[in-house]
Protein backbone atom coordinates (compact mmCIF):
# COMPACT_ATOMS: atom_id res chain seq x y z
CA MET A 1 1.21 -6.24 -20.54
CA GLU A 2 2.51 -3.89 -18.04
CA GLN A 3 6.38 -3.15 -18.51
CA LEU A 4 8.48 -5.77 -16.87
CA LEU A 5 11.04 -4.63 -14.16
CA CYS A 6 14.34 -6.42 -13.60
CA LEU A 7 16.21 -5.91 -10.24
CA HIS A 8 19.60 -6.83 -10.82
CA ASN A 9 23.24 -6.92 -9.29
CA ALA A 10 21.48 -7.66 -5.88
CA GLU A 11 22.50 -10.05 -2.97
CA ILE A 12 19.10 -11.78 -2.77
CA TYR A 13 17.70 -13.51 0.18
CA THR A 14 15.18 -15.43 -1.23
CA GLY A 15 13.78 -17.33 2.15
CA THR A 16 14.90 -20.57 0.90
CA MET A 17 18.50 -19.61 0.13
CA ASN A 18 20.87 -16.75 -0.70
CA ILE A 19 22.41 -15.76 -4.10
CA PRO A 20 25.60 -13.40 -3.65
CA SER A 21 24.75 -12.12 -6.66
CA GLY A 22 21.47 -12.27 -9.26
CA ALA A 23 18.25 -10.34 -10.71
CA VAL A 24 14.61 -10.86 -10.06
CA ILE A 25 12.44 -10.01 -12.80
CA VAL A 26 9.13 -8.74 -12.29
CA GLY A 27 5.86 -8.72 -14.26
CA ASN A 28 1.78 -8.04 -13.62
CA GLY A 29 2.49 -8.10 -9.82
CA LYS A 30 4.28 -11.49 -9.77
CA ILE A 31 7.87 -12.99 -9.48
CA LEU A 32 8.23 -14.20 -13.12
CA ASP A 33 11.93 -15.33 -12.38
CA VAL A 34 15.02 -15.56 -10.16
CA VAL A 35 18.38 -16.16 -11.70
CA GLY A 36 22.15 -16.03 -11.12
CA SER A 37 23.88 -12.50 -12.78
CA ASN A 38 25.24 -14.73 -14.84
CA ARG A 39 22.30 -16.08 -16.64
CA LEU A 40 20.75 -12.57 -17.05
CA VAL A 41 22.06 -12.02 -20.35
CA LYS A 42 20.67 -15.49 -21.50
CA LEU A 43 16.60 -14.25 -20.56
CA ASN A 44 16.26 -12.06 -23.76
CA LEU A 45 14.02 -9.88 -22.22
CA PRO A 46 11.79 -7.08 -23.71
CA GLU A 47 13.69 -3.85 -24.84
CA SER A 48 10.82 -2.18 -22.70
CA THR A 49 12.23 -3.61 -19.44
CA ARG A 50 12.97 -1.48 -16.68
CA PHE A 51 16.77 -2.39 -15.28
CA ILE A 52 17.02 -1.26 -11.76
CA ASP A 53 20.40 -1.78 -10.49
CA LEU A 54 20.80 -2.40 -6.68
CA LYS A 55 24.39 -2.32 -6.98
CA GLY A 56 25.47 -5.15 -4.63
CA SER A 57 22.87 -4.10 -2.15
CA ILE A 58 20.31 -7.05 -0.23
CA LEU A 59 17.05 -7.96 -1.86
CA CYS A 60 14.79 -9.79 0.00
CA PRO A 61 10.99 -10.48 0.60
CA GLY A 62 8.71 -7.21 1.42
CA PHE A 63 8.66 -6.80 5.39
CA ILE A 64 5.34 -8.40 7.31
CA ASP A 65 4.46 -6.40 10.46
CA SER A 66 1.63 -8.36 12.11
CA HIS A 67 1.55 -6.26 15.30
CA ILE A 68 1.49 -2.19 14.74
CA HIS A 69 -0.73 -0.01 15.95
CA GLY A 70 0.17 3.04 14.28
CA PHE A 71 2.64 5.27 12.58
CA GLY A 72 3.11 8.78 11.47
CA GLY A 73 0.64 10.12 13.81
CA TYR A 74 -2.12 7.87 12.85
CA GLU A 75 -3.29 4.87 14.66
CA THR A 76 -6.18 2.24 14.49
CA SER A 77 -7.59 3.87 17.77
CA ASP A 78 -8.42 6.66 15.70
CA ALA A 79 -11.52 4.43 14.53
CA SER A 80 -10.89 5.58 11.10
CA ASP A 81 -10.34 4.01 7.56
CA GLU A 82 -8.50 7.05 6.51
CA SER A 83 -5.77 6.77 9.42
CA ILE A 84 -5.25 2.98 8.54
CA LEU A 85 -4.89 4.01 4.83
CA LYS A 86 -2.25 6.71 6.04
CA ILE A 87 -0.40 4.06 8.05
CA SER A 88 -0.17 1.65 4.64
CA GLU A 89 1.28 4.87 2.72
CA SER A 90 3.60 5.28 5.46
CA LEU A 91 5.30 1.88 5.80
CA THR A 92 6.28 1.50 2.56
CA GLU A 93 9.73 4.11 3.20
CA TYR A 94 10.72 1.44 5.79
CA GLY A 95 10.40 -1.71 3.64
CA VAL A 96 6.88 -2.93 4.89
CA THR A 97 4.67 -4.02 2.33
CA SER A 98 2.23 -5.95 4.33
CA PHE A 99 0.69 -5.51 7.89
CA CYS A 100 -1.91 -6.53 10.36
CA PRO A 101 -3.57 -3.15 11.90
CA THR A 102 -3.59 -4.06 15.59
CA ILE A 103 -6.34 -2.89 17.73
CA TYR A 104 -5.97 -2.09 21.41
CA THR A 105 -8.52 -2.92 23.69
CA GLN A 106 -11.13 -0.47 24.44
CA GLU A 107 -14.49 0.25 25.63
CA ASP A 108 -16.95 -2.04 23.54
CA ARG A 109 -18.48 0.61 21.44
CA LYS A 110 -15.05 2.21 20.26
CA PHE A 111 -13.53 -1.26 19.75
CA SER A 112 -16.20 -2.26 17.56
CA ALA A 113 -15.77 1.05 16.03
CA CYS A 114 -12.02 0.34 14.90
CA ILE A 115 -12.75 -3.02 13.46
CA LYS A 116 -15.37 -1.54 11.33
CA ALA A 117 -12.57 0.75 10.01
CA GLY A 118 -10.19 -1.75 9.68
CA VAL A 119 -12.69 -3.44 7.45
CA ARG A 120 -13.01 -0.28 5.50
CA ALA A 121 -9.75 0.34 4.40
CA VAL A 122 -8.87 -3.40 3.25
CA GLY A 123 -8.90 -3.25 -0.41
CA ARG A 124 -8.05 0.58 -0.55
CA GLU A 125 -4.35 0.38 0.45
CA LYS A 126 -1.74 2.90 -1.74
CA GLY A 127 1.07 1.20 0.41
CA ALA A 128 1.70 -1.81 2.29
CA ARG A 129 -1.44 -4.31 2.13
CA ILE A 130 -3.52 -5.23 4.93
CA ILE A 131 -3.31 -8.82 5.44
CA GLY A 132 -6.29 -8.91 8.07
CA LEU A 133 -6.89 -7.07 11.77
CA HIS A 134 -5.09 -8.28 14.93
CA LEU A 135 -7.28 -7.55 17.82
CA GLU A 136 -5.20 -7.05 21.20
CA GLY A 137 -7.74 -8.23 23.55
CA PRO A 138 -10.16 -7.74 25.09
CA PHE A 139 -10.16 -11.39 26.50
CA ILE A 140 -6.64 -10.80 28.50
CA SER A 141 -5.63 -11.03 31.94
CA ARG A 142 -5.93 -7.98 34.45
CA LEU A 143 -3.14 -8.71 35.87
CA GLN A 144 -1.19 -8.42 32.87
CA SER A 145 -2.95 -5.99 31.20
CA GLY A 146 0.00 -3.40 30.64
CA ALA A 147 -0.92 -0.15 28.95
CA GLN A 148 -3.87 -1.74 28.22
CA ASP A 149 -7.22 -0.26 29.65
CA ALA A 150 -7.78 -2.34 32.19
CA SER A 151 -11.44 -1.14 32.53
CA ALA A 152 -12.38 -2.32 29.14
CA LEU A 153 -11.10 -5.95 29.59
CA LYS A 154 -13.34 -8.56 29.19
CA GLU A 155 -14.09 -12.36 30.67
CA VAL A 156 -14.74 -14.57 27.87
CA ASP A 157 -17.96 -14.16 26.04
CA MET A 158 -18.77 -16.23 22.94
CA GLU A 159 -21.59 -13.83 22.01
CA ARG A 160 -19.40 -10.64 21.98
CA MET A 161 -16.96 -12.61 19.94
CA ARG A 162 -19.34 -13.66 17.32
CA SER A 163 -20.44 -9.89 17.19
CA TYR A 164 -16.67 -9.36 16.65
CA GLU A 165 -16.43 -11.79 13.93
CA LYS A 166 -19.49 -10.79 12.19
CA ILE A 167 -18.35 -6.97 11.67
CA GLY A 168 -15.09 -8.21 10.88
CA LYS A 169 -16.51 -9.73 7.91
CA GLY A 170 -14.03 -11.83 7.73
CA LYS A 171 -11.01 -9.84 8.27
CA ILE A 172 -9.73 -10.76 11.69
CA THR A 173 -6.63 -12.79 11.31
CA LEU A 174 -5.22 -12.62 14.98
CA ILE A 175 -6.49 -12.29 18.50
CA THR A 176 -4.23 -11.72 21.60
CA VAL A 177 -5.87 -14.01 24.32
CA ALA A 178 -5.07 -15.36 28.12
CA PRO A 179 -5.31 -18.91 27.71
CA GLU A 180 -6.06 -19.15 31.50
CA LEU A 181 -9.28 -17.33 31.04
CA LYS A 182 -12.20 -19.57 31.95
CA ASN A 183 -14.51 -20.83 28.77
CA MET A 184 -10.98 -20.11 26.27
CA ARG A 185 -11.48 -23.34 25.08
CA GLU A 186 -14.82 -22.68 23.46
CA LEU A 187 -13.42 -19.38 22.38
CA ALA A 188 -10.21 -21.29 20.74
CA ILE A 189 -12.26 -23.76 18.65
CA TYR A 190 -14.73 -20.99 17.48
CA CYS A 191 -11.55 -19.10 16.32
CA LEU A 192 -9.93 -21.98 14.60
CA LYS A 193 -13.11 -22.79 12.81
CA LYS A 194 -13.30 -19.46 11.42
CA GLY A 195 -9.41 -19.47 10.54
CA ILE A 196 -8.36 -16.97 13.13
CA ILE A 197 -5.06 -17.32 14.81
CA LEU A 198 -4.73 -17.19 18.58
CA SER A 199 -1.95 -15.69 20.51
CA ALA A 200 -1.03 -15.92 24.13
CA GLY A 201 -0.56 -12.61 25.42
CA HIS A 202 -1.23 -10.38 28.22
CA THR A 203 -1.46 -13.33 30.04
CA ASP A 204 -0.88 -14.63 33.98
CA ALA A 205 -1.05 -18.06 32.49
CA SER A 206 0.45 -21.16 34.46
CA TYR A 207 2.42 -23.81 32.37
CA GLU A 208 -0.27 -25.90 32.91
CA ASN A 209 -2.84 -23.35 31.48
CA MET A 210 -0.29 -22.94 28.49
CA LEU A 211 -0.21 -26.74 27.93
CA GLU A 212 -4.09 -26.52 27.52
CA GLY A 213 -4.32 -23.30 25.40
CA MET A 214 -1.80 -25.03 23.32
CA GLN A 215 -4.21 -28.40 23.08
CA ALA A 216 -7.06 -26.28 22.05
CA GLY A 217 -4.90 -24.45 19.50
CA ILE A 218 -3.15 -21.58 21.04
CA MET A 219 0.19 -22.04 19.04
CA HIS A 220 1.37 -18.38 19.07
CA SER A 221 2.33 -15.57 21.64
CA THR A 222 2.30 -11.64 21.64
CA HIS A 223 5.38 -9.57 22.16
CA PHE A 224 7.21 -12.69 23.84
CA PHE A 225 8.78 -11.91 27.28
CA ASN A 226 6.44 -8.72 27.61
CA ALA A 227 3.38 -8.54 29.81
CA MET A 228 3.62 -12.43 30.67
CA ARG A 229 3.90 -14.51 34.15
CA ARG A 230 7.42 -14.50 35.11
CA LEU A 231 9.37 -17.75 34.66
CA HIS A 232 10.06 -19.33 38.01
CA HIS A 233 12.01 -22.05 38.77
CA ARG A 234 8.61 -24.21 40.69
CA ASP A 235 6.55 -22.87 37.87
CA PRO A 236 7.68 -22.01 34.34
CA GLY A 237 5.01 -20.19 33.58
CA CYS A 238 3.80 -19.00 30.03
CA ILE A 239 7.20 -17.77 29.71
CA GLY A 240 8.78 -21.28 30.46
CA ALA A 241 6.19 -23.33 28.05
CA ILE A 242 6.87 -21.08 25.15
CA LEU A 243 10.66 -21.47 25.62
CA ILE A 244 10.28 -25.34 26.28
CA HIS A 245 7.90 -26.55 23.51
CA PRO A 246 9.08 -25.76 19.91
CA GLU A 247 6.02 -25.95 18.19
CA ILE A 248 4.81 -22.50 19.74
CA SER A 249 5.80 -19.40 17.82
CA CYS A 250 6.45 -16.05 19.19
CA GLU A 251 6.74 -12.63 18.47
CA ILE A 252 9.89 -10.44 19.58
CA ILE A 253 9.98 -6.65 19.67
CA ALA A 254 13.62 -6.09 18.92
CA ASP A 255 14.20 -2.75 20.17
CA GLY A 256 16.50 -3.59 23.00
CA HIS A 257 14.24 -2.21 25.47
CA HIS A 258 11.05 -4.40 25.62
CA VAL A 259 13.55 -7.44 25.48
CA HIS A 260 17.31 -7.29 26.74
CA PRO A 261 19.26 -8.32 23.58
CA ALA A 262 20.53 -11.54 25.54
CA LEU A 263 17.39 -13.07 26.03
CA ILE A 264 16.77 -12.55 22.13
CA LYS A 265 19.94 -14.60 21.89
CA LEU A 266 19.08 -17.01 24.08
CA LEU A 267 15.57 -17.67 22.28
CA HIS A 268 17.48 -17.77 18.83
CA ARG A 269 19.63 -20.36 19.99
CA ASP A 270 16.75 -22.60 21.76
CA LYS A 271 13.68 -21.67 19.65
CA PRO A 272 13.57 -23.03 16.24
CA LEU A 273 14.02 -19.74 13.79
CA ASP A 274 10.85 -20.62 11.88
CA LYS A 275 8.73 -19.91 14.97
CA ILE A 276 10.51 -16.39 15.77
CA VAL A 277 8.60 -13.53 14.25
CA LEU A 278 9.76 -9.77 14.28
CA VAL A 279 7.28 -7.19 15.35
CA THR A 280 7.40 -3.46 16.00
CA ASP A 281 4.22 -2.86 18.52
CA ALA A 282 4.75 0.57 17.07
CA LEU A 283 2.13 3.19 18.24
CA GLY A 284 0.69 6.08 16.14
CA PRO A 285 3.74 8.66 17.03
CA THR A 286 6.21 6.43 15.52
CA MET A 287 8.37 8.72 12.84
CA GLN A 288 5.52 11.63 13.53
CA SER A 289 7.16 14.74 12.58
CA GLU A 290 5.08 17.55 14.21
CA GLY A 291 2.11 17.76 16.82
CA HIS A 292 1.38 16.01 20.04
CA LEU A 293 2.43 12.59 20.86
CA MET A 294 -1.00 10.89 21.66
CA ALA A 295 -1.43 7.00 22.09
CA ASN A 296 -4.68 5.74 22.28
CA GLY A 297 -6.02 8.71 23.12
CA GLU A 298 -3.47 9.45 26.10
CA PRO A 299 -0.40 11.63 25.79
CA VAL A 300 2.88 9.86 25.84
CA TYR A 301 6.61 10.77 25.73
CA LEU A 302 9.33 9.03 23.68
CA GLU A 303 12.68 8.05 25.48
CA ASP A 304 15.28 5.66 24.32
CA GLU A 305 12.94 4.81 21.59
CA VAL A 306 10.14 3.62 23.82
CA PHE A 307 6.77 5.43 24.32
CA TYR A 308 5.76 5.77 28.09
CA ARG A 309 2.41 7.19 29.59
CA GLU A 310 2.89 10.58 30.78
CA SER A 311 -0.10 9.88 33.49
CA ASP A 312 2.23 7.02 35.35
CA ASN A 313 5.18 6.26 33.19
CA VAL A 314 4.29 3.04 32.16
CA MET A 315 5.63 1.32 29.07
CA ALA A 316 2.82 2.09 26.46
CA GLY A 317 4.73 0.70 23.14
CA SER A 318 7.77 0.99 20.96
CA SER A 319 8.87 3.38 18.18
CA LEU A 320 10.67 0.54 16.13
CA THR A 321 10.90 0.00 12.57
CA MET A 322 11.18 -3.13 10.80
CA ILE A 323 14.42 -2.19 8.98
CA LYS A 324 15.58 -1.13 12.68
CA GLY A 325 14.46 -4.17 14.40
CA ILE A 326 16.78 -6.20 11.79
CA GLU A 327 19.52 -3.64 12.10
CA ASN A 328 19.64 -4.44 16.00
CA LEU A 329 19.34 -7.90 15.52
CA VAL A 330 22.14 -8.21 13.44
CA SER A 331 24.24 -5.80 15.78
CA TRP A 332 23.35 -8.30 18.75
CA GLY A 333 24.99 -11.18 16.71
CA ILE A 334 21.76 -12.90 15.00
CA PRO A 335 22.84 -13.84 11.13
CA LEU A 336 21.22 -11.56 8.68
CA SER A 337 19.49 -14.29 6.65
CA ASP A 338 17.74 -15.14 10.23
CA ALA A 339 16.85 -11.55 10.92
CA ILE A 340 15.40 -11.33 7.74
CA ALA A 341 13.56 -14.68 8.09
CA MET A 342 11.77 -12.78 11.32
CA ALA A 343 10.75 -10.13 9.06
CA THR A 344 9.27 -11.87 5.77
CA THR A 345 9.28 -15.82 5.78
CA ASN A 346 8.13 -16.55 9.34
CA PRO A 347 5.30 -14.43 9.83
CA ALA A 348 3.99 -15.29 6.15
CA ARG A 349 3.92 -19.09 7.30
CA ILE A 350 2.74 -18.55 10.35
CA LEU A 351 -0.18 -16.27 9.07
CA GLY A 352 -0.93 -18.57 6.21
CA LEU A 353 0.51 -16.61 3.49
CA ASP A 354 3.71 -18.40 2.55
CA LYS A 355 2.00 -19.57 -1.12
CA ASP A 356 2.03 -16.22 -2.02
CA ARG A 357 4.37 -14.31 0.25
CA GLY A 358 7.44 -14.17 2.23
CA LEU A 359 9.28 -15.64 -0.35
CA ILE A 360 11.42 -14.57 -3.58
CA MET A 361 10.10 -17.58 -5.73
CA PRO A 362 8.36 -17.47 -9.17
CA GLY A 363 4.91 -17.26 -9.04
CA HIS A 364 4.60 -15.46 -5.63
CA SER A 365 3.53 -11.91 -5.38
CA ALA A 366 6.21 -9.15 -6.28
CA ASP A 367 6.56 -7.77 -2.80
CA LEU A 368 9.90 -6.94 -2.25
CA THR A 369 12.31 -4.89 -0.15
CA ALA A 370 15.85 -3.47 -0.99
CA PHE A 371 18.53 -1.78 1.69
CA ASP A 372 22.21 -1.13 1.49
CA GLU A 373 24.61 -2.25 4.04
CA GLU A 374 23.64 0.63 6.45
CA PHE A 375 20.34 -0.83 6.61
CA LYS A 376 18.77 2.20 4.43
CA ILE A 377 15.72 1.22 2.25
CA LEU A 378 16.59 1.53 -1.49
CA LEU A 379 13.34 0.11 -2.85
CA THR A 380 9.85 -1.24 -1.82
CA ILE A 381 7.75 -2.84 -4.36
CA VAL A 382 4.20 -4.15 -3.11
CA GLU A 383 2.55 -6.58 -5.79
CA GLY A 384 4.67 -5.52 -8.26
CA LYS A 385 4.29 -1.88 -8.22
CA ILE A 386 7.01 0.48 -7.01
CA GLU A 387 5.67 2.09 -4.00
CA TYR A 388 8.92 3.84 -2.41
CA GLU A 389 12.30 4.51 -4.27
CA LEU A 390 15.12 6.26 -2.65
């Protein structure tokens, strides 16, 4: 049996309750026990146990980023499994224990190559674990393509979808789609049968289109407010549908630029908490220390923590990290426990991982993150192994 870890003197956010002062016992990759500090002395742990005093810092489930294109100079559009593994290694310094490598819309051969690279990377991670792949397209709206390559967008094509699913070998977890596209219902039903989550994004859907999409099983939404048909008093559009219907969940990019903080506060007030998921939408140059800044093969520049394409100054994506997103949410008045839930418990539940991740509970995988009051990551544990320690 491997050495036990005892993380003690921590303020624990379990995902179901907060423990002002407690300890978590880890062994064989799992959480063995969660106790208040007053019970720790009664556990009679083996002498070989490694005790880590967190000195009153916060301990929570590991962060889950379900929408991230790259990090540290590496990105999914490299079509390289080694690039994805480098992303995995780097993310633990920022508290991330699980992620979905997210693939831009690209010409089909390159898009398929990126899927294959993601599949090759699964199971070889040395840091954050890969949940599955997130395909951001290609079945999205030309009117709301944003920084996506509009020339590579596709009409719904079931043969193409079957080919993606075949080369994805069951590793495709999430697909961003535009609900208004013709034949979307057929694609949605196919994906649901394959266990693939559908997310409305890069969409010009009307309110009625969104209701039809929800009826077909499109129950999540990609970077809410961004690359979507605008809210209008005579047409609530997809933004109105997502706000009005509590059952549909949504991603938010909490960098203060993609979405105004006041709108995030409105969303927090009106949307059930468990339906809000913090994501970064981070691009490859995020936290890159040297070299040219490139994203999806194009030069970009960083301004106010947002990447813009040099060619046309279009917003290309964020340089957000999950811990910075939590810090931002708290600075805007969101309770810390709610911000943590958006980064941990909520994505785990929406992605169907909540029987093993997203909670600090005996029997769950020991995916844990500790940070201090200044939002500095102190410790990241993935499946019981310390992957980062300050």
